[in-house]
Amino acid sequence: TLDNIIFSLQKMGGISVYWYELLKRFVNDEQCHLDIYQLKGGNEHVLASLINRLKLPAQLETTLPVVIARYLPFRLKVTDSSLFHSSYYRIAPGAKNVITIHDFTYEYYRTGLAKWVHTRQKAYAIKNAAGIICISENTKQDLFHFYPEVEVPVEVIHNGKSDVFSVLPETHCYSEMLNDLKDQKYVLFVGARAGYKNFSVLVDALASFDEVILVIVGAKLTSEEETYLTQKLKERFYFLGFVGATQLNELYNQAFCFIYPSEYEGFGIPVIEAMAAGCPVIALEKSSIPEVAGKAGLLYKQLDDTVLIDCFAILNDNKQRSQLIAQGLENAKQFSWDKCFAQTMDFYKKISRL
């Protein structure tokens, strides 16, 4: 039994991508005997894109509001022999429950009621799990740091990357939205920007590099962010908002480099997306990033202008740049959603036998 609760909790994000990629493969695998449930409404974009792929329609679980249902155990009866996997920390009483832990961001960085509610729900799910999937070794280490009493099987199963991310041929016709960036030397930032993501640190580091602009993909800029960007970079930034995977791949392909200054990630999918698209990666040597980037990224303990001087010197050297790109392409081959799915199925079989 699969629980699509995540599609009702976020419009887009790493966990939705993870669940979407697994779900596509579950419904196309004849060995799977599935029941799929979701709450009314949810992420229309994701659900619409699944309709044409699903052999089985997802069934409505409850009419309770999402804000209540998300924190309650799964309400429908699941047989004792069933394996139940929720996309976000829900438990089905009586079933063999599998949970996926993506990170411990709330535990490290959040405060107040939001942290208390989330950690209580996660702790309950961990306590009642028959098996736990962690998306990186770093997340597994965090699990045992916060919950040393865990005794059930714990498996590290890395995330994958979409096949959309690849090196484009020179004859590729790029999207019109990229016209303003044609022939521009830009560094790319993708994702959330608050707190530990260190977006302001990146802006500060780029302030003295007049030859590059910053391209930002993600949620709408706040007025404070716009003011700060203008003060530091003048007109050397370009905001694109959210873009589709095809456009993001084009951005990676044309970028001078991708910079990922985050202090903490459960995995860091953009790192391997960029590498698969032949885009050099600069990132912090923290949390899961060394595990994902391997030796194919330019990794540093901190990010500042002196670090970027060294990095840009490497990337401006054609030989060193080509070598780094080749290493990134090779590293990205290790991560695929097909591999993630196969390992998840093997883990299900292991838990079912317990």
Foldseek 3Di string as FASTA:
>chain_A
DEEPLVQAVDLDDDLLVLVLLLVLVLQVDPVHDDAAEYAPDGRCVSVVVCPVRHPDDHYYQDPDDSVPVVQAARDDADALLAEYEYSAQHHHPNYQYEYEDQACCLVPPNDDPVSVSRVVSNVVSQVRHQEYEAQFVLRVVVCCVVVVPRDHHYYHFHAAADPLQAADDPPDDADPVCPVVVPAAEEEEEDDDDDQQCNLQVLQQCLPPLRYAYEYEEADDDPVRVVSSCVRNNPRYHYDYHDDSNNVSVVLNPYLAYEGAGQEGSACRVQLSSLNHLHAYEYEPHRRVCVQCPPLHNYHPHDHNVSVVVVVVQSVDVVSSVVSSVSSNVSSVVGHSVSSNVVVVVVVVVSSVD
